[in-house]
Amino acid sequence: MDYHYIAIDKPVDYHMTGKFEALTEDWKHSYLLLEDYELFVITRGILYLEYNNRQYTVTEGEMLLLPPVEPPNNTRKGYESSACSFYWMHFGIPALPPPPAIISTISIPEQARLANPEKLVILMKQLQDMARGNATVHTLNYMTTSILCQVYDDIVSTHSDNTGVTSLKDIRKSRSQLYNDMVDYISHNIHTKLTVYQVAKHFGYNEKYISRMFNSITGLTLKQFILQKKAEEASFFLTDTNLSIEEIAAKLGYSDSHNFTRSYKRQTGLAPTEYRNAFSKRVLNH
């Protein structure tokens, strides 16, 4: 797998960003030149893209980072039809200085699955809001750099032996596996009325034991973790869709919108409508 090394001692150069939604099943990416770096984050469907003599199949929850290359290989085009949607971002990076200069760099693979694509979508939505709100060049550059750092952190977390919060090196392997299985179970069932009892019953453990174990690893009780994950999913719906508050509440297993609003505000400090309105300037193209 190819990796791209990006210096972050100084911010990268923001060029443009947006969100694309295909309106039909027979859409293909246009035949376009690429003269800078482009980051794709797929939120629905599959993107079929050909670039630099390679064919990429990028699925929902994955990212793709394309670099500028020499002509005539610097054209990207679709090679299969699909109804997909994705966030995109163009940027430039300064050239790496020759050795022995010591600089801070991050390495991002050309294509990878994201552990938390919802977080990245929220940041890219915020970048769009800044761009539409006439933010300064420096603000846009630093926000673009933050997004790339989030991509790096997100991918590193999927290939490490820890959670990114508390190291699991000193925790027995079986306990680590249980923790990871529980996180997967919560992620797969986040759209239901999920409870600590339900998780404990599924894995055959006492409620107090698994909650205490969770707290020792993440610093959160199992209930707090579930509510935090629901809030993250809600933030994704609030920024990436036009679903009503009532519809989002129902999608996340809340009995009504009042309970959802109360829970979301407790987790984020903002009411759902306040969060949505704070980043309302989305750049959408078809």
Protein backbone atom coordinates (compact mmCIF):
# COMPACT_ATOMS: atom_id res chain seq x y z
CA MET A 1 0.00 0.00 0.00
CA ASP A 2 1.28 3.48 -0.90
CA TYR A 3 1.59 6.10 1.83
CA HIS A 4 1.70 9.87 1.53
CA TYR A 5 3.94 11.77 3.95
CA ILE A 6 2.65 15.20 4.90
CA ALA A 7 4.65 17.77 6.85
CA ILE A 8 2.59 19.44 9.58
CA ASP A 9 5.12 21.85 11.12
CA LYS A 10 3.16 24.42 9.16
CA PRO A 11 -0.44 24.14 7.94
CA VAL A 12 -1.18 22.73 4.51
CA ASP A 13 -2.79 24.95 1.87
CA TYR A 14 -6.58 24.67 1.65
CA HIS A 15 -7.93 24.89 -1.91
CA MET A 16 -11.61 23.85 -1.92
CA THR A 17 -14.08 21.39 -0.43
CA GLY A 18 -17.64 20.13 -0.78
CA LYS A 19 -20.02 17.23 -0.61
CA PHE A 20 -21.14 15.30 -3.69
CA GLU A 21 -24.37 13.31 -4.07
CA ALA A 22 -25.12 11.22 -7.15
CA LEU A 23 -28.73 11.68 -8.24
CA THR A 24 -28.98 8.51 -10.33
CA GLU A 25 -27.66 4.94 -10.36
CA ASP A 26 -25.82 5.53 -13.65
CA TRP A 27 -23.57 8.34 -12.40
CA LYS A 28 -19.83 8.12 -13.11
CA HIS A 29 -17.10 10.48 -11.96
CA SER A 30 -16.28 12.99 -14.70
CA TYR A 31 -13.01 12.97 -16.63
CA LEU A 32 -11.09 15.66 -14.69
CA LEU A 33 -7.49 16.75 -14.18
CA LEU A 34 -6.00 16.66 -10.68
CA GLU A 35 -3.34 19.24 -9.94
CA ASP A 36 -3.25 19.00 -6.14
CA TYR A 37 -4.09 16.48 -3.39
CA GLU A 38 -7.69 15.29 -3.07
CA LEU A 39 -9.22 13.52 -0.08
CA PHE A 40 -12.46 11.53 -0.47
CA VAL A 41 -14.56 10.26 2.45
CA ILE A 42 -17.38 7.99 1.25
CA THR A 43 -20.66 8.31 3.17
CA ARG A 44 -22.94 6.21 0.94
CA GLY A 45 -22.52 3.59 -1.77
CA ILE A 46 -19.31 2.83 -3.65
CA LEU A 47 -17.02 5.16 -5.58
CA TYR A 48 -15.37 3.59 -8.64
CA LEU A 49 -12.46 5.79 -9.66
CA GLU A 50 -9.56 5.36 -12.08
CA TYR A 51 -6.43 7.45 -11.57
CA ASN A 52 -2.73 7.14 -12.40
CA ASN A 53 -3.27 3.75 -14.10
CA ARG A 54 -5.06 2.32 -11.04
CA GLN A 55 -8.68 1.46 -10.39
CA TYR A 56 -10.01 2.19 -6.90
CA THR A 57 -13.14 0.73 -5.33
CA VAL A 58 -13.89 2.87 -2.27
CA THR A 59 -16.80 1.78 -0.07
CA GLU A 60 -18.86 3.54 2.58
CA GLY A 61 -16.72 4.39 5.62
CA GLU A 62 -13.47 4.41 3.64
CA MET A 63 -11.17 7.24 2.59
CA LEU A 64 -9.09 7.75 -0.53
CA LEU A 65 -6.19 10.19 -0.84
CA LEU A 66 -4.94 10.96 -4.36
CA PRO A 67 -1.70 12.88 -4.96
CA PRO A 68 -0.82 15.08 -7.92
CA VAL A 69 1.16 13.20 -10.60
CA GLU A 70 2.77 14.05 -13.91
CA PRO A 71 0.67 14.22 -17.12
CA PRO A 72 -0.87 12.30 -18.77
CA ASN A 73 -1.62 10.18 -15.69
CA ASN A 74 -3.14 13.05 -13.71
CA THR A 75 -6.73 12.55 -14.87
CA ARG A 76 -9.36 10.85 -12.71
CA LYS A 77 -12.52 9.30 -14.08
CA GLY A 78 -15.19 6.82 -13.09
CA TYR A 79 -14.98 3.31 -14.52
CA GLU A 80 -18.30 1.97 -13.18
CA SER A 81 -21.67 3.53 -12.41
CA SER A 82 -22.98 3.94 -8.87
CA ALA A 83 -25.26 6.10 -6.74
CA CYS A 84 -22.83 7.25 -4.08
CA SER A 85 -22.14 10.28 -1.94
CA PHE A 86 -18.89 11.56 -0.50
CA TYR A 87 -17.12 14.52 1.04
CA TRP A 88 -14.12 15.83 -0.88
CA MET A 89 -11.29 18.21 -0.09
CA HIS A 90 -8.48 19.64 -2.25
CA PHE A 91 -5.25 20.91 -0.71
CA GLY A 92 -1.55 21.46 -1.38
CA ILE A 93 1.40 20.55 0.81
CA PRO A 94 4.89 22.08 1.08
CA ALA A 95 7.78 20.00 -0.19
CA LEU A 96 9.63 18.00 2.46
CA PRO A 97 13.06 19.50 3.21
CA PRO A 98 16.11 17.34 2.52
CA PRO A 99 17.81 15.44 5.38
CA PRO A 100 18.97 16.01 8.05
CA ALA A 101 16.10 18.44 8.71
CA ILE A 102 13.82 17.19 11.49
CA ILE A 103 10.16 17.95 10.93
CA SER A 104 6.83 16.63 12.10
CA THR A 105 5.11 14.46 9.51
CA ILE A 106 2.08 12.20 9.33
CA SER A 107 1.77 9.24 6.98
CA ILE A 108 -1.61 8.55 5.40
CA PRO A 109 -2.27 5.50 3.21
CA GLU A 110 -3.75 5.99 -0.22
CA GLN A 111 -6.89 4.07 0.78
CA ALA A 112 -8.08 2.83 4.18
CA ARG A 113 -11.12 2.09 6.32
CA LEU A 114 -11.88 4.69 8.98
CA ALA A 115 -12.61 3.71 12.57
CA ASN A 116 -14.86 6.75 13.12
CA PRO A 117 -15.92 8.21 9.76
CA GLU A 118 -18.68 10.19 11.49
CA LYS A 119 -16.09 12.33 13.30
CA LEU A 120 -14.30 13.09 10.06
CA VAL A 121 -17.55 14.01 8.29
CA ILE A 122 -18.37 16.48 11.08
CA LEU A 123 -14.96 18.15 10.71
CA MET A 124 -15.31 18.36 6.93
CA LYS A 125 -18.78 19.84 7.35
CA GLN A 126 -17.29 22.44 9.68
CA LEU A 127 -14.65 23.24 7.06
CA GLN A 128 -17.39 23.80 4.49
CA ASP A 129 -19.21 26.08 6.91
CA MET A 130 -16.00 28.08 7.39
CA ALA A 131 -15.41 28.31 3.64
CA ARG A 132 -18.96 29.54 3.02
CA GLY A 133 -18.65 31.92 5.97
CA ASN A 134 -15.63 33.73 4.50
CA ALA A 135 -13.13 32.46 7.07
CA THR A 136 -9.54 33.66 6.72
CA VAL A 137 -7.01 31.70 4.67
CA HIS A 138 -5.09 30.83 7.84
CA THR A 139 -8.24 29.44 9.48
CA LEU A 140 -9.02 27.27 6.45
CA ASN A 141 -5.42 26.05 6.23
CA TYR A 142 -5.30 25.04 9.88
CA MET A 143 -8.71 23.36 9.71
CA THR A 144 -7.62 21.37 6.66
CA THR A 145 -4.49 20.28 8.53
CA SER A 146 -6.62 19.24 11.52
CA ILE A 147 -8.74 17.07 9.23
CA LEU A 148 -5.67 15.31 7.88
CA CYS A 149 -4.40 14.75 11.42
CA GLN A 150 -7.79 13.25 12.31
CA VAL A 151 -7.52 10.88 9.32
CA TYR A 152 -4.08 9.84 10.56
CA ASP A 153 -5.23 9.33 14.16
CA ASP A 154 -8.33 7.44 13.05
CA ILE A 155 -6.38 5.00 10.86
CA VAL A 156 -3.65 4.51 13.48
CA SER A 157 -6.31 3.56 16.04
CA THR A 158 -7.58 0.74 13.81
CA HIS A 159 -4.11 -0.81 13.52
CA SER A 160 -2.90 -0.45 17.11
CA ASP A 161 -3.33 -2.59 20.19
CA ASN A 162 -4.93 0.19 22.19
CA THR A 163 -8.09 2.25 22.19
CA GLY A 164 -6.39 5.61 21.81
CA VAL A 165 -7.55 6.46 25.34
CA THR A 166 -5.90 3.98 27.67
CA SER A 167 -3.25 1.43 26.68
CA LEU A 168 -4.31 -2.20 26.73
CA LYS A 169 -0.78 -3.61 26.81
CA ASP A 170 -1.02 -4.51 30.49
CA ILE A 171 -4.53 -5.93 30.19
CA ARG A 172 -4.97 -9.64 29.55
CA LYS A 173 -5.62 -10.58 25.92
CA SER A 174 -9.01 -12.11 26.70
CA ARG A 175 -10.14 -8.90 28.38
CA SER A 176 -8.93 -6.87 25.42
CA GLN A 177 -10.87 -9.11 23.05
CA LEU A 178 -14.01 -8.76 25.15
CA TYR A 179 -13.67 -4.99 25.11
CA ASN A 180 -13.25 -4.88 21.31
CA ASP A 181 -16.19 -7.25 20.81
CA MET A 182 -18.36 -5.05 23.01
CA VAL A 183 -17.40 -1.92 21.08
CA ASP A 184 -18.32 -3.68 17.81
CA TYR A 185 -21.62 -4.88 19.29
CA ILE A 186 -22.50 -1.36 20.45
CA SER A 187 -21.61 0.11 17.04
CA HIS A 188 -23.79 -2.45 15.23
CA ASN A 189 -26.74 -1.87 17.56
CA ILE A 190 -26.44 1.88 18.13
CA HIS A 191 -29.74 2.45 16.27
CA THR A 192 -31.68 0.41 18.85
CA LYS A 193 -32.76 1.15 22.41
CA LEU A 194 -29.47 -0.24 23.69
CA THR A 195 -28.98 -0.77 27.44
CA VAL A 196 -26.17 -1.98 29.70
CA TYR A 197 -28.33 -4.99 30.62
CA GLN A 198 -28.70 -5.92 26.94
CA VAL A 199 -24.93 -5.77 26.35
CA ALA A 200 -24.19 -7.74 29.53
CA LYS A 201 -26.76 -10.41 28.65
CA HIS A 202 -25.39 -10.78 25.12
CA PHE A 203 -21.86 -11.48 26.40
CA GLY A 204 -22.93 -13.44 29.48
CA TYR A 205 -21.45 -11.13 32.12
CA ASN A 206 -22.68 -9.25 35.15
CA GLU A 207 -23.69 -5.64 34.44
CA LYS A 208 -21.48 -4.23 37.18
CA TYR A 209 -18.46 -6.23 36.01
CA ILE A 210 -18.52 -5.12 32.36
CA SER A 211 -19.27 -1.53 33.32
CA ARG A 212 -16.34 -1.52 35.75
CA MET A 213 -14.09 -3.11 33.12
CA PHE A 214 -15.15 -0.53 30.56
CA ASN A 215 -14.41 2.26 33.01
CA SER A 216 -10.91 0.93 33.69
CA ILE A 217 -10.10 1.00 29.95
CA THR A 218 -11.87 4.12 28.68
CA GLY A 219 -12.56 6.19 31.77
CA LEU A 220 -16.28 5.92 30.99
CA THR A 221 -18.96 3.63 32.33
CA LEU A 222 -20.62 1.43 29.74
CA LYS A 223 -23.78 3.57 29.90
CA GLN A 224 -21.76 6.75 29.32
CA PHE A 225 -19.98 5.10 26.38
CA ILE A 226 -23.29 4.10 24.77
CA LEU A 227 -24.69 7.61 25.18
CA GLN A 228 -21.49 9.12 23.79
CA LYS A 229 -21.66 6.88 20.71
CA LYS A 230 -25.32 7.79 20.20
CA ALA A 231 -24.39 11.48 20.40
CA GLU A 232 -21.64 10.99 17.80
CA GLU A 233 -24.06 9.22 15.47
CA ALA A 234 -26.62 11.97 16.06
CA SER A 235 -24.03 14.62 15.17
CA PHE A 236 -23.43 12.80 11.90
CA PHE A 237 -27.15 12.81 11.08
CA LEU A 238 -27.43 16.48 12.05
CA THR A 239 -24.61 17.55 9.73
CA ASP A 240 -24.93 15.09 6.86
CA THR A 241 -28.72 14.70 6.47
CA ASN A 242 -31.89 16.76 6.51
CA LEU A 243 -33.67 14.35 8.87
CA SER A 244 -35.87 16.04 11.47
CA ILE A 245 -35.02 15.86 15.17
CA GLU A 246 -37.91 13.44 15.64
CA GLU A 247 -36.62 11.17 12.86
CA ILE A 248 -33.09 11.17 14.28
CA ALA A 249 -34.42 10.36 17.75
CA ALA A 250 -36.36 7.40 16.34
CA LYS A 251 -33.32 6.19 14.36
CA LEU A 252 -31.25 6.08 17.57
CA GLY A 253 -33.82 4.20 19.62
CA TYR A 254 -35.10 7.07 21.77
CA SER A 255 -38.71 6.96 22.90
CA ASP A 256 -39.30 10.57 21.86
CA SER A 257 -37.47 13.70 20.71
CA HIS A 258 -37.50 15.24 24.21
CA ASN A 259 -35.47 12.39 25.70
CA PHE A 260 -33.11 12.52 22.74
CA THR A 261 -32.63 16.30 23.01
CA ARG A 262 -31.99 16.07 26.74
CA SER A 263 -29.45 13.26 26.31
CA TYR A 264 -27.69 14.94 23.38
CA LYS A 265 -27.34 18.26 25.22
CA ARG A 266 -25.96 16.45 28.26
CA GLN A 267 -23.27 14.84 26.07
CA THR A 268 -22.34 17.79 23.84
CA GLY A 269 -23.45 20.93 25.68
CA LEU A 270 -25.65 21.92 22.72
CA ALA A 271 -29.22 21.15 21.75
CA PRO A 272 -29.50 19.25 18.43
CA THR A 273 -30.91 22.28 16.61
CA GLU A 274 -28.13 24.49 18.00
CA TYR A 275 -25.50 22.06 16.72
CA ARG A 276 -27.14 21.80 13.29
CA ASN A 277 -27.51 25.57 12.93
CA ALA A 278 -23.91 26.17 13.99
CA PHE A 279 -22.65 24.45 10.83
CA SER A 280 -25.41 25.07 8.32
CA LYS A 281 -23.37 26.28 5.32
CA ARG A 282 -22.82 22.97 3.53
CA VAL A 283 -21.23 22.95 0.08
CA LEU A 284 -23.29 20.44 -1.89
CA ASN A 285 -22.91 19.50 -5.55
CA HIS A 286 -24.42 16.82 -7.79
